[in-house]
Amino acid sequence: MLIGVLADTHIPKRAKRIPAPVRQAFAGVDLILHAGDILAESVLEELALTAPVEAVAGNGDPSELAAVLGRRKLLVVAGCRIGLVHGDGDELTTRRRAMLAFPEADCIVFGHSHIPCNLTENGQLLFNPGSPTDRRRSPRPSYGLLRVAGGAVNGEIIYF
């Protein structure tokens, strides 16, 4: 299974729509995950034209969107437990907050920092796709792909 992963799109503040390289790459995915700071429900509607979407709200999302999406989800995809959370908060680092949210997950997808992350720690894949519209301290905008097979998951950060 191939999963497209986004976070921190901040549309329409940082861009008018999902960037073309992301739309092209996601044309063949089975599922799309969005780890928050979406800002407009129209972003999810646009993504849903490509593949089913699972998303959570981030600290920048309006309360109406947060009420619909929730702030965290644990998904089981092709035998793999994937935690989905934005990762904002006051204590610790974004990565540590994400880890604490899902000690049972095989993979944790998070956002908030806009800093791509693709590493395994304590048997968990920690995956932050960065942002396709607001790179902040990253060299270029980015998104991610997860490949899940046989209960195992591997991630790839793609810069454009």
N, C-alpha and C. Protein backbone atom coordinates (compact mmCIF):
# COMPACT_ATOMS: atom_id res chain seq x y z
N MET A 1 0.85 -1.17 0.00
CA MET A 1 0.00 0.00 0.00
C MET A 1 0.89 1.23 0.00
N LEU A 2 0.52 2.21 -0.82
CA LEU A 2 1.26 3.46 -0.91
C LEU A 2 0.41 4.58 -0.32
N ILE A 3 1.01 5.32 0.61
CA ILE A 3 0.30 6.39 1.33
C ILE A 3 1.02 7.72 1.10
N GLY A 4 0.26 8.71 0.64
CA GLY A 4 0.78 10.07 0.53
C GLY A 4 0.62 10.78 1.86
N VAL A 5 1.63 11.53 2.28
CA VAL A 5 1.60 12.16 3.60
C VAL A 5 1.90 13.66 3.49
N LEU A 6 1.03 14.45 4.12
CA LEU A 6 1.18 15.90 4.18
C LEU A 6 1.00 16.39 5.61
N ALA A 7 1.52 17.57 5.85
CA ALA A 7 1.26 18.30 7.09
C ALA A 7 1.49 19.77 6.79
N ASP A 8 0.91 20.60 7.59
CA ASP A 8 1.22 22.03 7.56
C ASP A 8 1.09 22.66 6.16
N THR A 9 -0.03 22.39 5.51
CA THR A 9 -0.26 22.99 4.19
C THR A 9 -0.65 24.46 4.31
N HIS A 10 -1.30 24.85 5.39
CA HIS A 10 -1.64 26.25 5.66
C HIS A 10 -2.29 26.94 4.45
N ILE A 11 -3.23 26.25 3.82
CA ILE A 11 -3.93 26.82 2.66
C ILE A 11 -5.23 27.46 3.14
N PRO A 12 -5.52 28.69 2.80
CA PRO A 12 -4.96 29.52 1.73
C PRO A 12 -3.92 30.55 2.19
N LYS A 13 -3.42 30.48 3.40
CA LYS A 13 -2.45 31.49 3.85
C LYS A 13 -1.09 31.38 3.17
N ARG A 14 -0.58 30.18 2.99
CA ARG A 14 0.77 29.99 2.43
C ARG A 14 0.76 29.64 0.94
N ALA A 15 -0.38 29.17 0.44
CA ALA A 15 -0.53 28.83 -0.98
C ALA A 15 -2.02 28.81 -1.29
N LYS A 16 -2.35 28.87 -2.56
CA LYS A 16 -3.76 28.85 -2.97
C LYS A 16 -4.31 27.43 -3.01
N ARG A 17 -3.43 26.46 -3.31
CA ARG A 17 -3.86 25.06 -3.37
C ARG A 17 -2.67 24.14 -3.19
N ILE A 18 -2.92 22.86 -3.15
CA ILE A 18 -1.84 21.88 -3.02
C ILE A 18 -0.90 22.05 -4.22
N PRO A 19 0.41 22.14 -3.99
CA PRO A 19 1.35 22.33 -5.11
C PRO A 19 1.29 21.18 -6.12
N ALA A 20 1.53 21.52 -7.38
CA ALA A 20 1.46 20.56 -8.48
C ALA A 20 2.31 19.31 -8.28
N PRO A 21 3.57 19.42 -7.78
CA PRO A 21 4.37 18.19 -7.60
C PRO A 21 3.70 17.20 -6.63
N VAL A 22 3.02 17.71 -5.62
CA VAL A 22 2.34 16.85 -4.66
C VAL A 22 1.13 16.20 -5.33
N ARG A 23 0.35 16.98 -6.03
CA ARG A 23 -0.83 16.43 -6.72
C ARG A 23 -0.42 15.34 -7.70
N GLN A 24 0.68 15.55 -8.42
CA GLN A 24 1.15 14.56 -9.38
C GLN A 24 1.62 13.29 -8.68
N ALA A 25 2.38 13.43 -7.61
CA ALA A 25 2.90 12.27 -6.88
C ALA A 25 1.79 11.47 -6.22
N PHE A 26 0.74 12.15 -5.77
CA PHE A 26 -0.34 11.47 -5.07
C PHE A 26 -1.34 10.83 -6.03
N ALA A 27 -1.18 11.02 -7.32
CA ALA A 27 -2.12 10.44 -8.29
C ALA A 27 -2.21 8.92 -8.18
N GLY A 28 -1.15 8.27 -7.70
CA GLY A 28 -1.16 6.82 -7.61
C GLY A 28 -1.23 6.25 -6.21
N VAL A 29 -1.54 7.07 -5.21
CA VAL A 29 -1.56 6.55 -3.83
C VAL A 29 -2.89 5.89 -3.49
N ASP A 30 -2.85 5.03 -2.48
CA ASP A 30 -4.05 4.34 -2.01
C ASP A 30 -4.75 5.10 -0.89
N LEU A 31 -4.01 5.96 -0.19
CA LEU A 31 -4.52 6.69 0.96
C LEU A 31 -3.69 7.95 1.13
N ILE A 32 -4.31 9.00 1.66
CA ILE A 32 -3.60 10.23 1.98
C ILE A 32 -3.79 10.53 3.46
N LEU A 33 -2.69 10.84 4.15
CA LEU A 33 -2.73 11.26 5.55
C LEU A 33 -2.33 12.73 5.61
N HIS A 34 -3.07 13.51 6.40
CA HIS A 34 -2.72 14.91 6.62
C HIS A 34 -2.63 15.13 8.12
N ALA A 35 -1.44 15.57 8.59
CA ALA A 35 -1.17 15.72 10.02
C ALA A 35 -1.40 17.13 10.54
N GLY A 36 -2.42 17.81 10.03
CA GLY A 36 -2.87 19.05 10.64
C GLY A 36 -2.30 20.34 10.09
N ASP A 37 -2.90 21.43 10.54
CA ASP A 37 -2.71 22.78 10.02
C ASP A 37 -3.09 22.83 8.55
N ILE A 38 -4.32 22.42 8.32
CA ILE A 38 -4.94 22.35 7.01
C ILE A 38 -5.51 23.73 6.66
N LEU A 39 -6.21 24.31 7.61
CA LEU A 39 -6.88 25.62 7.60
C LEU A 39 -8.21 25.64 6.87
N ALA A 40 -8.34 25.00 5.71
CA ALA A 40 -9.60 25.04 4.96
C ALA A 40 -10.04 23.63 4.59
N GLU A 41 -11.31 23.34 4.86
CA GLU A 41 -11.85 22.01 4.53
C GLU A 41 -11.73 21.71 3.04
N SER A 42 -11.69 22.74 2.21
CA SER A 42 -11.57 22.54 0.76
C SER A 42 -10.29 21.79 0.40
N VAL A 43 -9.25 21.90 1.23
CA VAL A 43 -8.00 21.15 1.00
C VAL A 43 -8.27 19.66 1.07
N LEU A 44 -9.02 19.24 2.08
CA LEU A 44 -9.35 17.82 2.23
C LEU A 44 -10.25 17.35 1.10
N GLU A 45 -11.16 18.21 0.68
CA GLU A 45 -12.04 17.87 -0.44
C GLU A 45 -11.24 17.69 -1.72
N GLU A 46 -10.26 18.56 -1.95
CA GLU A 46 -9.40 18.42 -3.13
C GLU A 46 -8.61 17.12 -3.08
N LEU A 47 -8.03 16.82 -1.92
CA LEU A 47 -7.26 15.58 -1.77
C LEU A 47 -8.13 14.35 -1.96
N ALA A 48 -9.36 14.40 -1.48
CA ALA A 48 -10.28 13.26 -1.57
C ALA A 48 -10.65 12.92 -3.00
N LEU A 49 -10.43 13.82 -3.94
CA LEU A 49 -10.66 13.51 -5.35
C LEU A 49 -9.62 12.53 -5.88
N THR A 50 -8.50 12.41 -5.16
CA THR A 50 -7.40 11.54 -5.56
C THR A 50 -7.44 10.19 -4.85
N ALA A 51 -7.68 10.21 -3.54
CA ALA A 51 -7.66 8.99 -2.73
C ALA A 51 -8.38 9.27 -1.42
N PRO A 52 -8.77 8.21 -0.70
CA PRO A 52 -9.35 8.44 0.63
C PRO A 52 -8.38 9.22 1.51
N VAL A 53 -8.93 10.06 2.39
CA VAL A 53 -8.11 10.94 3.24
C VAL A 53 -8.44 10.69 4.70
N GLU A 54 -7.40 10.60 5.51
CA GLU A 54 -7.51 10.62 6.97
C GLU A 54 -6.71 11.83 7.43
N ALA A 55 -7.30 12.63 8.30
CA ALA A 55 -6.64 13.86 8.74
C ALA A 55 -6.98 14.14 10.20
N VAL A 56 -6.09 14.90 10.82
CA VAL A 56 -6.32 15.42 12.17
C VAL A 56 -6.11 16.92 12.14
N ALA A 57 -6.66 17.59 13.12
CA ALA A 57 -6.52 19.04 13.22
C ALA A 57 -5.21 19.40 13.92
N GLY A 58 -4.69 20.55 13.55
CA GLY A 58 -3.52 21.11 14.19
C GLY A 58 -3.89 22.38 14.94
N ASN A 59 -2.92 22.98 15.58
CA ASN A 59 -3.18 24.18 16.39
C ASN A 59 -3.61 25.37 15.55
N GLY A 60 -3.36 25.36 14.25
CA GLY A 60 -3.75 26.46 13.39
C GLY A 60 -5.11 26.28 12.74
N ASP A 61 -5.73 25.15 12.94
CA ASP A 61 -7.01 24.87 12.29
C ASP A 61 -8.17 25.50 13.04
N PRO A 62 -9.20 25.94 12.29
CA PRO A 62 -10.36 26.52 12.97
C PRO A 62 -11.08 25.48 13.83
N SER A 63 -11.73 25.93 14.88
CA SER A 63 -12.38 25.03 15.83
C SER A 63 -13.43 24.15 15.16
N GLU A 64 -14.10 24.67 14.13
CA GLU A 64 -15.11 23.87 13.42
C GLU A 64 -14.46 22.66 12.75
N LEU A 65 -13.31 22.84 12.15
CA LEU A 65 -12.60 21.74 11.50
C LEU A 65 -12.05 20.78 12.54
N ALA A 66 -11.53 21.31 13.63
CA ALA A 66 -11.01 20.46 14.71
C ALA A 66 -12.10 19.59 15.31
N ALA A 67 -13.31 20.13 15.41
CA ALA A 67 -14.43 19.36 15.97
C ALA A 67 -14.78 18.17 15.08
N VAL A 68 -14.64 18.34 13.79
CA VAL A 68 -14.96 17.26 12.84
C VAL A 68 -13.83 16.23 12.79
N LEU A 69 -12.58 16.70 12.74
CA LEU A 69 -11.44 15.81 12.53
C LEU A 69 -10.91 15.17 13.80
N GLY A 70 -10.95 15.88 14.90
CA GLY A 70 -10.27 15.42 16.10
C GLY A 70 -8.79 15.76 16.04
N ARG A 71 -8.10 15.51 17.13
CA ARG A 71 -6.69 15.90 17.23
C ARG A 71 -5.71 14.73 17.09
N ARG A 72 -6.21 13.51 17.15
CA ARG A 72 -5.34 12.34 16.99
C ARG A 72 -6.15 11.14 16.56
N LYS A 73 -5.52 10.25 15.80
CA LYS A 73 -6.17 9.03 15.33
C LYS A 73 -5.15 7.91 15.32
N LEU A 74 -5.62 6.72 15.63
CA LEU A 74 -4.80 5.52 15.46
C LEU A 74 -5.45 4.70 14.36
N LEU A 75 -4.75 4.51 13.28
CA LEU A 75 -5.27 3.78 12.12
C LEU A 75 -4.55 2.45 12.00
N VAL A 76 -5.24 1.45 11.49
CA VAL A 76 -4.59 0.19 11.15
C VAL A 76 -4.68 0.07 9.63
N VAL A 77 -3.51 0.09 9.00
CA VAL A 77 -3.42 0.09 7.55
C VAL A 77 -2.52 -1.07 7.12
N ALA A 78 -3.09 -2.01 6.40
CA ALA A 78 -2.33 -3.18 5.91
C ALA A 78 -1.54 -3.85 7.04
N GLY A 79 -2.16 -3.98 8.20
CA GLY A 79 -1.54 -4.63 9.35
C GLY A 79 -0.57 -3.77 10.14
N CYS A 80 -0.46 -2.51 9.81
CA CYS A 80 0.45 -1.59 10.49
C CYS A 80 -0.35 -0.56 11.27
N ARG A 81 0.02 -0.34 12.53
CA ARG A 81 -0.65 0.68 13.36
C ARG A 81 0.04 2.02 13.15
N ILE A 82 -0.72 2.98 12.62
CA ILE A 82 -0.18 4.30 12.32
C ILE A 82 -0.90 5.34 13.18
N GLY A 83 -0.13 6.02 14.02
CA GLY A 83 -0.67 7.12 14.80
C GLY A 83 -0.57 8.41 13.99
N LEU A 84 -1.63 9.21 14.02
CA LEU A 84 -1.68 10.46 13.27
C LEU A 84 -2.00 11.59 14.24
N VAL A 85 -1.08 12.55 14.35
CA VAL A 85 -1.23 13.65 15.30
C VAL A 85 -0.48 14.86 14.75
N HIS A 86 -0.91 16.05 15.13
CA HIS A 86 -0.18 17.23 14.67
C HIS A 86 1.14 17.37 15.44
N GLY A 87 1.07 17.30 16.76
CA GLY A 87 2.29 17.33 17.57
C GLY A 87 2.55 18.62 18.32
N ASP A 88 1.61 19.55 18.28
CA ASP A 88 1.81 20.82 18.99
C ASP A 88 1.63 20.62 20.49
N GLY A 89 2.16 21.54 21.25
CA GLY A 89 2.05 21.50 22.70
C GLY A 89 3.11 22.38 23.34
N ASP A 90 3.13 22.37 24.67
CA ASP A 90 4.04 23.25 25.41
C ASP A 90 5.27 22.54 25.96
N GLU A 91 5.17 21.27 26.19
CA GLU A 91 6.26 20.53 26.83
C GLU A 91 7.01 19.69 25.80
N LEU A 92 8.29 19.48 26.01
CA LEU A 92 9.12 18.61 25.19
C LEU A 92 9.24 19.10 23.75
N THR A 93 9.80 18.27 22.89
CA THR A 93 9.91 18.60 21.47
C THR A 93 8.68 18.05 20.75
N THR A 94 8.48 18.51 19.54
CA THR A 94 7.36 18.01 18.74
C THR A 94 7.46 16.49 18.58
N ARG A 95 8.65 16.01 18.26
CA ARG A 95 8.84 14.56 18.07
C ARG A 95 8.52 13.79 19.34
N ARG A 96 8.97 14.25 20.48
CA ARG A 96 8.70 13.57 21.76
C ARG A 96 7.20 13.57 22.09
N ARG A 97 6.54 14.69 21.83
CA ARG A 97 5.08 14.74 22.07
C ARG A 97 4.37 13.73 21.19
N ALA A 98 4.79 13.61 19.94
CA ALA A 98 4.18 12.64 19.03
C ALA A 98 4.40 11.21 19.54
N MET A 99 5.61 10.93 19.99
CA MET A 99 5.91 9.59 20.50
C MET A 99 5.06 9.25 21.72
N LEU A 100 4.88 10.19 22.61
CA LEU A 100 4.08 9.94 23.81
C LEU A 100 2.60 9.73 23.48
N ALA A 101 2.15 10.29 22.38
CA ALA A 101 0.74 10.16 22.00
C ALA A 101 0.40 8.75 21.55
N PHE A 102 1.38 8.00 21.05
CA PHE A 102 1.11 6.67 20.47
C PHE A 102 2.20 5.66 20.82
N PRO A 103 2.32 5.26 22.07
CA PRO A 103 3.36 4.28 22.40
C PRO A 103 3.12 2.92 21.73
N GLU A 104 1.88 2.65 21.32
CA GLU A 104 1.53 1.36 20.73
C GLU A 104 1.67 1.32 19.22
N ALA A 105 1.97 2.44 18.58
CA ALA A 105 1.99 2.52 17.11
C ALA A 105 3.30 1.99 16.52
N ASP A 106 3.20 1.45 15.32
CA ASP A 106 4.39 1.05 14.56
C ASP A 106 5.01 2.26 13.87
N CYS A 107 4.16 3.23 13.54
CA CYS A 107 4.58 4.43 12.83
C CYS A 107 3.78 5.60 13.39
N ILE A 108 4.44 6.73 13.58
CA ILE A 108 3.75 7.94 14.03
C ILE A 108 3.99 9.02 12.99
N VAL A 109 2.88 9.51 12.42
CA VAL A 109 2.93 10.60 11.46
C VAL A 109 2.55 11.87 12.21
N PHE A 110 3.40 12.88 12.10
CA PHE A 110 3.14 14.13 12.81
C PHE A 110 3.60 15.31 11.95
N GLY A 111 3.28 16.50 12.40
CA GLY A 111 3.65 17.72 11.69
C GLY A 111 4.14 18.76 12.66
N HIS A 112 3.58 19.95 12.59
CA HIS A 112 3.79 21.10 13.46
C HIS A 112 5.13 21.80 13.28
N SER A 113 6.24 21.09 13.29
CA SER A 113 7.56 21.74 13.25
C SER A 113 7.96 22.18 11.85
N HIS A 114 7.33 21.64 10.83
CA HIS A 114 7.70 21.88 9.42
C HIS A 114 9.08 21.30 9.11
N ILE A 115 9.62 20.51 9.98
CA ILE A 115 10.94 19.92 9.79
C ILE A 115 10.76 18.44 9.45
N PRO A 116 11.15 18.03 8.23
CA PRO A 116 10.99 16.62 7.86
C PRO A 116 11.76 15.70 8.81
N CYS A 117 11.15 14.55 9.05
CA CYS A 117 11.74 13.54 9.94
C CYS A 117 11.35 12.17 9.40
N ASN A 118 12.33 11.30 9.27
CA ASN A 118 12.09 9.94 8.81
C ASN A 118 13.12 9.05 9.49
N LEU A 119 12.82 8.69 10.74
CA LEU A 119 13.77 7.88 11.48
C LEU A 119 13.04 6.89 12.37
N THR A 120 13.75 5.84 12.70
CA THR A 120 13.20 4.82 13.58
C THR A 120 13.84 4.97 14.95
N GLU A 121 12.99 5.02 15.97
CA GLU A 121 13.46 5.13 17.34
C GLU A 121 12.62 4.20 18.20
N ASN A 122 13.27 3.36 18.97
CA ASN A 122 12.59 2.39 19.83
C ASN A 122 11.57 1.56 19.05
N GLY A 123 11.93 1.19 17.82
CA GLY A 123 11.07 0.33 17.01
C GLY A 123 9.91 1.04 16.32
N GLN A 124 9.81 2.35 16.48
CA GLN A 124 8.74 3.11 15.83
C GLN A 124 9.31 3.98 14.72
N LEU A 125 8.62 4.01 13.57
CA LEU A 125 8.99 4.95 12.53
C LEU A 125 8.36 6.29 12.88
N LEU A 126 9.19 7.32 13.02
CA LEU A 126 8.72 8.67 13.31
C LEU A 126 8.81 9.44 12.00
N PHE A 127 7.64 9.92 11.53
CA PHE A 127 7.58 10.47 10.18
C PHE A 127 6.87 11.81 10.16
N ASN A 128 7.62 12.84 9.81
CA ASN A 128 7.06 14.18 9.62
C ASN A 128 7.40 14.57 8.18
N PRO A 129 6.38 14.80 7.34
CA PRO A 129 6.67 15.09 5.93
C PRO A 129 7.17 16.50 5.67
N GLY A 130 7.27 17.34 6.70
CA GLY A 130 7.60 18.74 6.49
C GLY A 130 6.38 19.45 5.94
N SER A 131 6.58 20.51 5.19
CA SER A 131 5.47 21.27 4.62
C SER A 131 5.70 21.52 3.14
N PRO A 132 4.66 21.33 2.32
CA PRO A 132 4.81 21.61 0.90
C PRO A 132 4.63 23.10 0.56
N THR A 133 4.25 23.91 1.54
CA THR A 133 3.94 25.32 1.25
C THR A 133 4.68 26.31 2.14
N ASP A 134 5.28 25.85 3.24
CA ASP A 134 5.94 26.74 4.19
C ASP A 134 7.16 26.02 4.78
N ARG A 135 8.26 26.07 4.06
CA ARG A 135 9.44 25.26 4.40
C ARG A 135 10.15 25.69 5.68
N ARG A 136 9.93 26.90 6.13
CA ARG A 136 10.62 27.46 7.31
C ARG A 136 12.12 27.19 7.25
N ARG A 137 12.65 26.36 8.15
CA ARG A 137 14.10 26.12 8.20
C ARG A 137 14.55 24.94 7.34
N SER A 138 13.66 24.34 6.59
CA SER A 138 14.03 23.22 5.72
C SER A 138 14.59 23.76 4.40
N PRO A 139 15.40 22.98 3.73
CA PRO A 139 16.02 23.48 2.50
C PRO A 139 15.01 23.75 1.38
N ARG A 140 13.97 22.93 1.31
CA ARG A 140 12.96 23.07 0.26
C ARG A 140 11.62 22.57 0.79
N PRO A 141 10.52 22.90 0.11
CA PRO A 141 9.22 22.32 0.50
C PRO A 141 9.28 20.80 0.36
N SER A 142 8.42 20.11 1.10
CA SER A 142 8.47 18.65 1.07
C SER A 142 7.12 18.02 1.39
N TYR A 143 7.04 16.75 1.07
CA TYR A 143 5.91 15.89 1.42
C TYR A 143 6.48 14.50 1.61
N GLY A 144 5.65 13.53 1.91
CA GLY A 144 6.17 12.20 2.15
C GLY A 144 5.35 11.10 1.53
N LEU A 145 5.98 9.95 1.44
CA LEU A 145 5.32 8.72 1.02
C LEU A 145 5.65 7.63 2.03
N LEU A 146 4.64 6.85 2.40
CA LEU A 146 4.84 5.67 3.24
C LEU A 146 4.48 4.46 2.41
N ARG A 147 5.27 3.41 2.52
CA ARG A 147 4.97 2.14 1.88
C ARG A 147 4.75 1.11 2.98
N VAL A 148 3.57 0.50 2.95
CA VAL A 148 3.21 -0.47 3.98
C VAL A 148 2.97 -1.82 3.31
N ALA A 149 3.65 -2.83 3.81
CA ALA A 149 3.48 -4.19 3.29
C ALA A 149 3.82 -5.18 4.39
N GLY A 150 2.98 -6.17 4.56
CA GLY A 150 3.24 -7.22 5.54
C GLY A 150 3.42 -6.71 6.95
N GLY A 151 2.74 -5.62 7.31
CA GLY A 151 2.84 -5.08 8.66
C GLY A 151 4.06 -4.19 8.88
N ALA A 152 4.91 -4.06 7.87
CA ALA A 152 6.10 -3.20 7.97
C ALA A 152 5.83 -1.90 7.21
N VAL A 153 6.48 -0.84 7.66
CA VAL A 153 6.29 0.48 7.02
C VAL A 153 7.65 1.14 6.80
N ASN A 154 7.79 1.76 5.63
CA ASN A 154 8.99 2.52 5.29
C ASN A 154 8.56 3.89 4.78
N GLY A 155 9.34 4.91 5.13
CA GLY A 155 9.01 6.26 4.73
C GLY A 155 10.04 6.87 3.81
N GLU A 156 9.57 7.84 3.03
CA GLU A 156 10.44 8.60 2.13
C GLU A 156 10.00 10.06 2.15
N ILE A 157 10.94 10.94 2.39
CA ILE A 157 10.69 12.39 2.31
C ILE A 157 11.06 12.82 0.90
N ILE A 158 10.19 13.59 0.27
CA ILE A 158 10.45 14.07 -1.08
C ILE A 158 10.46 15.60 -1.05
N TYR A 159 11.59 16.16 -1.50
CA TYR A 159 11.76 17.60 -1.60
C TYR A 159 11.51 18.03 -3.03
N PHE A 160 10.98 19.23 -3.20
CA PHE A 160 10.81 19.73 -4.58
C PHE A 160 11.14 21.21 -4.63
